[in-house]
Amino acid sequence: MKKDIHPEYKAATITCVCGNVIETRTTNGDTKIEICSNCHPFYTGKQKIMDTAGRIEKFNRKYAGLEKK
C-alpha cells in the first residue's frame, strides 16, 4: 500500500436514540442514528400500525360509492 493516502481507520461508537451503543471501527468517527436493530419493528416484532389523521376512513369514504365493473 502507498503511504499517506489512506484515511485513518479508528475505533468509533454508534449511538441510537433508544440508548443502544455499538462499538465498531470506521473512518468517519462517532455517529448518532435514529433506529437500530434493537428498536426496529422488523427485528423486534412489535410493529405499530398508526392511522394518522384518519387516512383509512378518508379513503373508504372517498371510494365507497365505486363498484367493481
N, C-alpha and C. Protein backbone atom coordinates (compact mmCIF):
# COMPACT_ATOMS: atom_id res chain seq x y z
N MET A 1 0.83 -1.18 0.00
CA MET A 1 0.00 0.00 0.00
C MET A 1 0.88 1.25 0.00
N LYS A 2 0.38 2.28 -0.65
CA LYS A 2 1.09 3.54 -0.65
C LYS A 2 0.91 4.22 0.70
N LYS A 3 1.90 4.91 1.14
CA LYS A 3 1.84 5.59 2.42
C LYS A 3 1.18 6.95 2.27
N ASP A 4 0.48 7.38 3.32
CA ASP A 4 -0.11 8.71 3.44
C ASP A 4 -1.23 9.02 2.46
N ILE A 5 -1.89 7.99 1.88
CA ILE A 5 -3.03 8.28 1.02
C ILE A 5 -4.33 7.69 1.57
N HIS A 6 -4.25 6.83 2.56
CA HIS A 6 -5.44 6.16 3.09
C HIS A 6 -5.95 6.90 4.33
N PRO A 7 -7.27 6.96 4.51
CA PRO A 7 -7.81 7.61 5.70
C PRO A 7 -7.53 6.79 6.96
N GLU A 8 -7.56 7.46 8.09
CA GLU A 8 -7.32 6.79 9.37
C GLU A 8 -8.53 5.93 9.73
N TYR A 9 -8.28 4.67 10.07
CA TYR A 9 -9.32 3.72 10.44
C TYR A 9 -9.27 3.56 11.95
N LYS A 10 -10.22 4.18 12.66
CA LYS A 10 -10.14 4.25 14.11
C LYS A 10 -11.40 3.70 14.77
N ALA A 11 -11.32 3.44 16.06
CA ALA A 11 -12.47 2.95 16.84
C ALA A 11 -13.51 4.06 16.94
N ALA A 12 -14.79 3.65 16.89
CA ALA A 12 -15.89 4.61 16.96
C ALA A 12 -17.08 3.97 17.64
N THR A 13 -18.00 4.80 18.09
CA THR A 13 -19.24 4.31 18.68
C THR A 13 -20.41 4.83 17.87
N ILE A 14 -21.38 3.95 17.69
CA ILE A 14 -22.64 4.32 17.03
C ILE A 14 -23.69 4.31 18.12
N THR A 15 -24.37 5.43 18.32
CA THR A 15 -25.35 5.57 19.38
C THR A 15 -26.74 5.77 18.77
N CYS A 16 -27.69 4.95 19.20
CA CYS A 16 -29.07 5.05 18.74
C CYS A 16 -29.87 5.88 19.75
N VAL A 17 -30.99 6.46 19.30
CA VAL A 17 -31.82 7.25 20.21
C VAL A 17 -32.48 6.38 21.28
N CYS A 18 -32.57 5.07 21.06
CA CYS A 18 -33.14 4.17 22.07
C CYS A 18 -32.15 3.89 23.19
N GLY A 19 -30.89 4.30 23.01
CA GLY A 19 -29.89 4.10 24.05
C GLY A 19 -28.89 3.00 23.73
N ASN A 20 -29.10 2.27 22.66
CA ASN A 20 -28.18 1.20 22.26
C ASN A 20 -26.87 1.80 21.76
N VAL A 21 -25.74 1.26 22.22
CA VAL A 21 -24.42 1.74 21.80
C VAL A 21 -23.69 0.58 21.16
N ILE A 22 -23.18 0.80 19.95
CA ILE A 22 -22.46 -0.22 19.19
C ILE A 22 -21.02 0.25 19.02
N GLU A 23 -20.09 -0.60 19.39
CA GLU A 23 -18.67 -0.29 19.22
C GLU A 23 -18.21 -0.88 17.89
N THR A 24 -17.56 -0.08 17.06
CA THR A 24 -17.10 -0.53 15.76
C THR A 24 -15.86 0.26 15.35
N ARG A 25 -15.42 0.06 14.13
CA ARG A 25 -14.29 0.83 13.60
C ARG A 25 -14.75 1.48 12.30
N THR A 26 -14.33 2.72 12.08
CA THR A 26 -14.75 3.45 10.90
C THR A 26 -13.77 4.58 10.59
N THR A 27 -13.91 5.13 9.41
CA THR A 27 -13.10 6.29 9.05
C THR A 27 -13.82 7.59 9.37
N ASN A 28 -15.13 7.51 9.67
CA ASN A 28 -15.93 8.71 9.91
C ASN A 28 -15.94 9.18 11.35
N GLY A 29 -15.72 8.32 12.31
CA GLY A 29 -15.78 8.69 13.72
C GLY A 29 -17.12 8.33 14.33
N ASP A 30 -17.43 8.92 15.48
CA ASP A 30 -18.67 8.63 16.20
C ASP A 30 -19.89 9.07 15.40
N THR A 31 -20.98 8.27 15.52
CA THR A 31 -22.19 8.51 14.75
C THR A 31 -23.41 8.35 15.65
N LYS A 32 -24.43 9.15 15.40
CA LYS A 32 -25.72 9.00 16.08
C LYS A 32 -26.76 8.64 15.04
N ILE A 33 -27.58 7.61 15.35
CA ILE A 33 -28.60 7.13 14.42
C ILE A 33 -29.96 7.18 15.08
N GLU A 34 -31.02 7.11 14.28
CA GLU A 34 -32.38 7.19 14.79
C GLU A 34 -32.98 5.83 15.07
N ILE A 35 -32.54 4.80 14.37
CA ILE A 35 -33.14 3.48 14.56
C ILE A 35 -32.06 2.41 14.37
N CYS A 36 -32.14 1.36 15.19
CA CYS A 36 -31.16 0.27 15.12
C CYS A 36 -31.90 -1.06 15.19
N SER A 37 -31.16 -2.15 15.21
CA SER A 37 -31.79 -3.47 15.24
C SER A 37 -32.49 -3.75 16.57
N ASN A 38 -32.15 -3.03 17.63
CA ASN A 38 -32.83 -3.23 18.92
C ASN A 38 -34.19 -2.57 18.97
N CYS A 39 -34.42 -1.53 18.17
CA CYS A 39 -35.70 -0.83 18.23
C CYS A 39 -36.47 -0.85 16.92
N HIS A 40 -35.93 -1.45 15.86
CA HIS A 40 -36.62 -1.51 14.58
C HIS A 40 -37.74 -2.53 14.65
N PRO A 41 -38.96 -2.18 14.18
CA PRO A 41 -40.10 -3.09 14.28
C PRO A 41 -39.89 -4.43 13.57
N PHE A 42 -39.13 -4.47 12.50
CA PHE A 42 -38.90 -5.73 11.79
C PHE A 42 -38.17 -6.73 12.67
N TYR A 43 -37.20 -6.27 13.43
CA TYR A 43 -36.39 -7.16 14.27
C TYR A 43 -37.05 -7.44 15.62
N THR A 44 -37.81 -6.49 16.14
CA THR A 44 -38.43 -6.67 17.45
C THR A 44 -39.76 -7.40 17.38
N GLY A 45 -40.44 -7.34 16.24
CA GLY A 45 -41.74 -7.97 16.10
C GLY A 45 -42.86 -7.16 16.72
N LYS A 46 -42.58 -5.95 17.13
CA LYS A 46 -43.59 -5.08 17.74
C LYS A 46 -43.92 -3.95 16.78
N GLN A 47 -44.63 -4.31 15.72
CA GLN A 47 -44.96 -3.32 14.70
C GLN A 47 -46.12 -2.46 15.17
N LYS A 48 -45.97 -1.17 14.99
CA LYS A 48 -47.02 -0.23 15.34
C LYS A 48 -47.72 0.20 14.07
N ILE A 49 -49.02 -0.02 14.02
CA ILE A 49 -49.80 0.41 12.87
C ILE A 49 -50.56 1.66 13.31
N MET A 50 -50.20 2.76 12.69
CA MET A 50 -50.83 4.03 13.07
C MET A 50 -51.64 4.56 11.91
N ASP A 51 -52.84 4.97 12.18
CA ASP A 51 -53.69 5.60 11.19
C ASP A 51 -53.64 7.09 11.45
N THR A 52 -52.73 7.76 10.80
CA THR A 52 -52.55 9.18 11.04
C THR A 52 -53.64 9.98 10.36
N ALA A 53 -54.32 10.77 11.14
CA ALA A 53 -55.36 11.69 10.66
C ALA A 53 -56.50 10.99 9.94
N GLY A 54 -56.79 9.74 10.30
CA GLY A 54 -57.94 9.02 9.73
C GLY A 54 -57.82 8.77 8.25
N ARG A 55 -56.65 8.48 7.75
CA ARG A 55 -56.44 8.30 6.32
C ARG A 55 -57.21 7.11 5.76
N ILE A 56 -57.32 6.05 6.54
CA ILE A 56 -58.05 4.88 6.05
C ILE A 56 -59.54 5.19 5.93
N GLU A 57 -60.10 5.86 6.93
CA GLU A 57 -61.50 6.23 6.86
C GLU A 57 -61.76 7.21 5.72
N LYS A 58 -60.85 8.14 5.51
CA LYS A 58 -60.99 9.11 4.42
C LYS A 58 -60.97 8.38 3.07
N PHE A 59 -60.09 7.40 2.92
CA PHE A 59 -60.02 6.62 1.68
C PHE A 59 -61.32 5.84 1.47
N ASN A 60 -61.81 5.21 2.54
CA ASN A 60 -63.03 4.42 2.43
C ASN A 60 -64.23 5.30 2.08
N ARG A 61 -64.32 6.49 2.64
CA ARG A 61 -65.41 7.41 2.31
C ARG A 61 -65.32 7.87 0.86
N LYS A 62 -64.11 8.14 0.40
CA LYS A 62 -63.91 8.65 -0.96
C LYS A 62 -64.31 7.63 -2.00
N TYR A 63 -63.98 6.36 -1.78
CA TYR A 63 -64.23 5.33 -2.77
C TYR A 63 -65.36 4.38 -2.38
N ALA A 64 -66.23 4.77 -1.48
CA ALA A 64 -67.33 3.90 -1.04
C ALA A 64 -68.36 3.71 -2.14
N GLY A 65 -68.60 4.73 -2.95
CA GLY A 65 -69.63 4.66 -3.98
C GLY A 65 -69.21 3.93 -5.23
N LEU A 66 -67.95 3.65 -5.40
CA LEU A 66 -67.49 2.98 -6.62
C LEU A 66 -67.75 1.48 -6.52
N GLU A 67 -68.19 0.93 -7.62
CA GLU A 67 -68.42 -0.51 -7.68
C GLU A 67 -67.47 -1.13 -8.68
N LYS A 68 -67.18 -2.40 -8.49
CA LYS A 68 -66.32 -3.10 -9.43
C LYS A 68 -67.07 -3.34 -10.74
N LYS A 69 -66.40 -3.10 -11.83
CA LYS A 69 -67.04 -3.33 -13.14
C LYS A 69 -66.55 -4.61 -13.74
